[in-house]
Amino acid sequence: MSALLQYNFTISERDTLFDISRRTISALEPGAALSAIAQALLPLPGIRRVEVEPSADLAPLAPGSLAWGEKAREPRYFSSAPIGSRWGTLRLYFSSPEKMSNPVALARFSAEQIALALDLFALRDKGRRMRQRITRVQELLEARKRRLREAAR
């Protein structure tokens, strides 16, 4: 919440930032989290398009197009922020910088929220893989114990 406390956002921007936090926590998969964040940002005045340029780490988690909003005509202005250190870049395209109180801060905060959500998904996936590995090792250990008991008879 560092960006939220540091800058003076308008009421609608502040409500959107809280909505982004709620949506990222409740999302069930990375692609749904990204889409939910984009859908929260698009109603803000001036925002025309939300794009995520994925890194190699994000591409397998969220395949497909990572762009939401207008595609017909490209907005003239954009603000970008890195999504953590390994997930890619968030770009917010807007029609006029005057309609936003601080587009850079909004992009940074949104990117922080996306990074936190993606880190959470990555940790959940790692935990699932570790539990599968533990189960497999336990099965191998039980099979080995069974063979030793049978050999001892």
C-alpha atoms as a PDB file:
ATOM      1  CA  MET A   1       0.000   0.000   0.000  1.00  0.00           C
ATOM      2  CA  SER A   2       3.023   2.298  -0.213  1.00  0.00           C
ATOM      3  CA  ALA A   3       1.834   4.032  -3.377  1.00  0.00           C
ATOM      4  CA  LEU A   4      -1.681   4.371  -1.987  1.00  0.00           C
ATOM      5  CA  LEU A   5      -0.486   6.284   1.062  1.00  0.00           C
ATOM      6  CA  GLN A   6       2.140   8.331  -0.725  1.00  0.00           C
ATOM      7  CA  TYR A   7      -0.023  10.004  -3.392  1.00  0.00           C
ATOM      8  CA  ASN A   8      -3.277  11.928  -3.345  1.00  0.00           C
ATOM      9  CA  PHE A   9      -5.614   9.848  -5.482  1.00  0.00           C
ATOM     10  CA  THR A  10      -9.142  10.940  -6.303  1.00  0.00           C
ATOM     11  CA  ILE A  11     -11.988   9.177  -4.509  1.00  0.00           C
ATOM     12  CA  SER A  12     -12.800   7.015  -7.549  1.00  0.00           C
ATOM     13  CA  GLU A  13      -9.132   6.038  -7.936  1.00  0.00           C
ATOM     14  CA  ARG A  14      -8.853   5.177  -4.230  1.00  0.00           C
ATOM     15  CA  ASP A  15     -12.013   3.035  -4.394  1.00  0.00           C
ATOM     16  CA  THR A  16     -10.615   1.309  -7.476  1.00  0.00           C
ATOM     17  CA  LEU A  17      -7.347   0.558  -5.682  1.00  0.00           C
ATOM     18  CA  PHE A  18      -9.207  -1.058  -2.794  1.00  0.00           C
ATOM     19  CA  ASP A  19     -11.311  -2.971  -5.319  1.00  0.00           C
ATOM     20  CA  ILE A  20      -8.116  -4.216  -6.997  1.00  0.00           C
ATOM     21  CA  SER A  21      -6.872  -5.532  -3.650  1.00  0.00           C
ATOM     22  CA  ARG A  22     -10.146  -7.365  -3.046  1.00  0.00           C
ATOM     23  CA  ARG A  23     -10.213  -8.836  -6.550  1.00  0.00           C
ATOM     24  CA  THR A  24      -6.632 -10.125  -6.455  1.00  0.00           C
ATOM     25  CA  ILE A  25      -7.203 -11.925  -3.163  1.00  0.00           C
ATOM     26  CA  SER A  26     -10.371 -13.642  -4.365  1.00  0.00           C
ATOM     27  CA  ALA A  27      -9.136 -14.717  -7.832  1.00  0.00           C
ATOM     28  CA  LEU A  28      -8.736 -18.455  -8.371  1.00  0.00           C
ATOM     29  CA  GLU A  29      -6.136 -18.360 -11.145  1.00  0.00           C
ATOM     30  CA  PRO A  30      -3.553 -15.896 -12.494  1.00  0.00           C
ATOM     31  CA  GLY A  31      -5.409 -15.100 -15.721  1.00  0.00           C
ATOM     32  CA  ALA A  32      -8.592 -14.354 -13.786  1.00  0.00           C
ATOM     33  CA  ALA A  33      -6.675 -12.082 -11.395  1.00  0.00           C
ATOM     34  CA  LEU A  34      -5.165 -10.098 -14.268  1.00  0.00           C
ATOM     35  CA  SER A  35      -8.522  -9.785 -15.989  1.00  0.00           C
ATOM     36  CA  ALA A  36     -10.228  -8.689 -12.762  1.00  0.00           C
ATOM     37  CA  ILE A  37      -7.613  -5.994 -12.174  1.00  0.00           C
ATOM     38  CA  ALA A  38      -7.972  -4.725 -15.735  1.00  0.00           C
ATOM     39  CA  GLN A  39     -11.763  -4.638 -15.405  1.00  0.00           C
ATOM     40  CA  ALA A  40     -11.384  -2.608 -12.203  1.00  0.00           C
ATOM     41  CA  LEU A  41      -9.039  -0.092 -13.860  1.00  0.00           C
ATOM     42  CA  LEU A  42     -10.929   0.453 -17.125  1.00  0.00           C
ATOM     43  CA  PRO A  43     -13.885   2.392 -15.625  1.00  0.00           C
ATOM     44  CA  LEU A  44     -11.533   5.074 -14.261  1.00  0.00           C
ATOM     45  CA  PRO A  45     -11.778   8.375 -16.156  1.00  0.00           C
ATOM     46  CA  GLY A  46      -9.179   8.538 -18.889  1.00  0.00           C
ATOM     47  CA  ILE A  47      -8.070   4.875 -18.844  1.00  0.00           C
ATOM     48  CA  ARG A  48      -8.533   3.404 -22.310  1.00  0.00           C
ATOM     49  CA  ARG A  49      -6.470   0.237 -22.285  1.00  0.00           C
ATOM     50  CA  VAL A  50      -4.654  -2.036 -19.845  1.00  0.00           C
ATOM     51  CA  GLU A  51      -1.819  -4.227 -21.119  1.00  0.00           C
ATOM     52  CA  VAL A  52       0.523  -6.684 -19.462  1.00  0.00           C
ATOM     53  CA  GLU A  53       3.720  -7.512 -21.305  1.00  0.00           C
ATOM     54  CA  PRO A  54       4.500 -10.939 -19.834  1.00  0.00           C
ATOM     55  CA  SER A  55       7.949 -12.229 -18.997  1.00  0.00           C
ATOM     56  CA  ALA A  56       9.023 -15.832 -19.520  1.00  0.00           C
ATOM     57  CA  ASP A  57       7.831 -16.640 -15.967  1.00  0.00           C
ATOM     58  CA  LEU A  58       4.321 -15.268 -16.513  1.00  0.00           C
ATOM     59  CA  ALA A  59       3.614 -16.728 -19.955  1.00  0.00           C
ATOM     60  CA  PRO A  60       2.942 -20.299 -18.706  1.00  0.00           C
ATOM     61  CA  LEU A  61       0.744 -19.084 -15.819  1.00  0.00           C
ATOM     62  CA  ALA A  62      -1.449 -16.767 -17.885  1.00  0.00           C
ATOM     63  CA  PRO A  63      -1.485 -17.804 -21.544  1.00  0.00           C
ATOM     64  CA  GLY A  64      -3.309 -15.810 -24.167  1.00  0.00           C
ATOM     65  CA  SER A  65      -3.831 -12.121 -24.743  1.00  0.00           C
ATOM     66  CA  LEU A  66      -3.082  -9.884 -21.798  1.00  0.00           C
ATOM     67  CA  ALA A  67      -4.674  -6.692 -23.118  1.00  0.00           C
ATOM     68  CA  TRP A  68      -8.036  -5.214 -22.193  1.00  0.00           C
ATOM     69  CA  GLY A  69      -9.888  -2.149 -23.430  1.00  0.00           C
ATOM     70  CA  GLU A  70      -9.861  -0.218 -26.710  1.00  0.00           C
ATOM     71  CA  LYS A  71      -7.893  -1.663 -29.585  1.00  0.00           C
ATOM     72  CA  ALA A  72      -9.244   0.308 -32.537  1.00  0.00           C
ATOM     73  CA  ARG A  73      -7.344   3.503 -31.873  1.00  0.00           C
ATOM     74  CA  GLU A  74      -4.239   3.660 -29.770  1.00  0.00           C
ATOM     75  CA  PRO A  75      -4.350   6.133 -26.885  1.00  0.00           C
ATOM     76  CA  ARG A  76      -1.548   8.674 -27.045  1.00  0.00           C
ATOM     77  CA  TYR A  77      -0.321   8.478 -23.463  1.00  0.00           C
ATOM     78  CA  PHE A  78       0.705   5.589 -21.278  1.00  0.00           C
ATOM     79  CA  SER A  79       2.292   4.883 -17.942  1.00  0.00           C
ATOM     80  CA  SER A  80       4.190   1.678 -17.251  1.00  0.00           C
ATOM     81  CA  ALA A  81       5.524  -0.074 -14.195  1.00  0.00           C
ATOM     82  CA  PRO A  82       7.404  -3.331 -13.653  1.00  0.00           C
ATOM     83  CA  ILE A  83       5.342  -6.157 -12.181  1.00  0.00           C
ATOM     84  CA  GLY A  84       7.686  -7.261  -9.447  1.00  0.00           C
ATOM     85  CA  SER A  85      11.123  -8.374 -10.498  1.00  0.00           C
ATOM     86  CA  ARG A  86      10.110 -11.308 -12.680  1.00  0.00           C
ATOM     87  CA  TRP A  87       6.584 -11.026 -14.066  1.00  0.00           C
ATOM     88  CA  GLY A  88       6.772  -8.417 -16.809  1.00  0.00           C
ATOM     89  CA  THR A  89       5.469  -4.883 -17.312  1.00  0.00           C
ATOM     90  CA  LEU A  90       2.070  -3.262 -16.785  1.00  0.00           C
ATOM     91  CA  ARG A  91       1.047  -0.501 -19.190  1.00  0.00           C
ATOM     92  CA  LEU A  92      -1.927   1.775 -18.590  1.00  0.00           C
ATOM     93  CA  TYR A  93      -2.951   3.701 -21.702  1.00  0.00           C
ATOM     94  CA  PHE A  94      -5.038   6.812 -21.201  1.00  0.00           C
ATOM     95  CA  SER A  95      -6.551   9.545 -23.318  1.00  0.00           C
ATOM     96  CA  SER A  96      -5.310  12.581 -21.433  1.00  0.00           C
ATOM     97  CA  PRO A  97      -2.939  12.931 -18.488  1.00  0.00           C
ATOM     98  CA  GLU A  98      -5.096  15.693 -17.021  1.00  0.00           C
ATOM     99  CA  LYS A  99      -7.918  13.245 -16.266  1.00  0.00           C
ATOM    100  CA  MET A 100      -5.689  11.230 -13.923  1.00  0.00           C
ATOM    101  CA  SER A 101      -4.336  12.589 -10.654  1.00  0.00           C
ATOM    102  CA  ASN A 102      -1.139  10.535 -10.855  1.00  0.00           C
ATOM    103  CA  PRO A 103      -0.922   7.924 -13.641  1.00  0.00           C
ATOM    104  CA  VAL A 104       2.567   6.774 -12.630  1.00  0.00           C
ATOM    105  CA  ALA A 105       1.512   6.055  -9.050  1.00  0.00           C
ATOM    106  CA  LEU A 106      -1.616   4.275 -10.259  1.00  0.00           C
ATOM    107  CA  ALA A 107       0.455   2.072 -12.570  1.00  0.00           C
ATOM    108  CA  ARG A 108       2.978   1.331  -9.804  1.00  0.00           C
ATOM    109  CA  PHE A 109       0.338   0.413  -7.250  1.00  0.00           C
ATOM    110  CA  SER A 110      -1.566  -1.748  -9.732  1.00  0.00           C
ATOM    111  CA  ALA A 111       1.687  -3.482 -10.725  1.00  0.00           C
ATOM    112  CA  GLU A 112       2.498  -4.116  -7.042  1.00  0.00           C
ATOM    113  CA  GLN A 113      -0.908  -5.740  -6.555  1.00  0.00           C
ATOM    114  CA  ILE A 114      -0.473  -7.881  -9.674  1.00  0.00           C
ATOM    115  CA  ALA A 115       3.003  -8.948  -8.514  1.00  0.00           C
ATOM    116  CA  LEU A 116       1.681  -9.924  -5.084  1.00  0.00           C
ATOM    117  CA  ALA A 117      -1.138 -11.954  -6.629  1.00  0.00           C
ATOM    118  CA  LEU A 118       1.219 -13.698  -9.059  1.00  0.00           C
ATOM    119  CA  ASP A 119       3.698 -14.439  -6.270  1.00  0.00           C
ATOM    120  CA  LEU A 120       0.848 -15.981  -4.282  1.00  0.00           C
ATOM    121  CA  PHE A 121      -0.173 -18.162  -7.229  1.00  0.00           C
ATOM    122  CA  ALA A 122       3.443 -19.228  -7.772  1.00  0.00           C
ATOM    123  CA  LEU A 123       3.813 -20.163  -4.102  1.00  0.00           C
ATOM    124  CA  ARG A 124       0.551 -22.119  -4.141  1.00  0.00           C
ATOM    125  CA  ASP A 125       1.744 -24.007  -7.219  1.00  0.00           C
ATOM    126  CA  LYS A 126       5.106 -24.722  -5.614  1.00  0.00           C
ATOM    127  CA  GLY A 127       3.359 -26.000  -2.484  1.00  0.00           C
ATOM    128  CA  ARG A 128       1.137 -28.282  -4.587  1.00  0.00           C
ATOM    129  CA  ARG A 129       4.175 -29.705  -6.393  1.00  0.00           C
ATOM    130  CA  MET A 130       5.995 -30.237  -3.097  1.00  0.00           C
ATOM    131  CA  ARG A 131       2.993 -32.059  -1.599  1.00  0.00           C
ATOM    132  CA  GLN A 132       2.869 -34.300  -4.693  1.00  0.00           C
ATOM    133  CA  ARG A 133       6.569 -35.046  -4.314  1.00  0.00           C
ATOM    134  CA  ILE A 134       6.147 -35.840  -0.614  1.00  0.00           C
ATOM    135  CA  THR A 135       3.281 -38.203  -1.434  1.00  0.00           C
ATOM    136  CA  ARG A 136       5.402 -39.942  -4.069  1.00  0.00           C
ATOM    137  CA  VAL A 137       8.362 -40.329  -1.672  1.00  0.00           C
ATOM    138  CA  GLN A 138       6.027 -41.698   1.021  1.00  0.00           C
ATOM    139  CA  GLU A 139       4.640 -44.229  -1.457  1.00  0.00           C
ATOM    140  CA  LEU A 140       8.164 -45.313  -2.428  1.00  0.00           C
ATOM    141  CA  LEU A 141       9.146 -45.611   1.235  1.00  0.00           C
ATOM    142  CA  GLU A 142       6.084 -47.718   2.043  1.00  0.00           C
ATOM    143  CA  ALA A 143       6.800 -49.994  -0.940  1.00  0.00           C
ATOM    144  CA  ARG A 144      10.404 -50.413   0.188  1.00  0.00           C
ATOM    145  CA  LYS A 145       9.314 -51.218   3.764  1.00  0.00           C
ATOM    146  CA  ARG A 146       6.803 -53.747   2.446  1.00  0.00           C
ATOM    147  CA  ARG A 147       9.505 -55.482   0.372  1.00  0.00           C
ATOM    148  CA  LEU A 148      11.862 -55.596   3.358  1.00  0.00           C
ATOM    149  CA  ARG A 149       9.154 -57.091   5.592  1.00  0.00           C
ATOM    150  CA  GLU A 150       8.352 -59.693   2.930  1.00  0.00           C
ATOM    151  CA  ALA A 151      12.045 -60.524   2.482  1.00  0.00           C
ATOM    152  CA  ALA A 152      12.467 -60.931   6.259  1.00  0.00           C
ATOM    153  CA  ARG A 153       9.756 -63.623   6.433  1.00  0.00           C
END
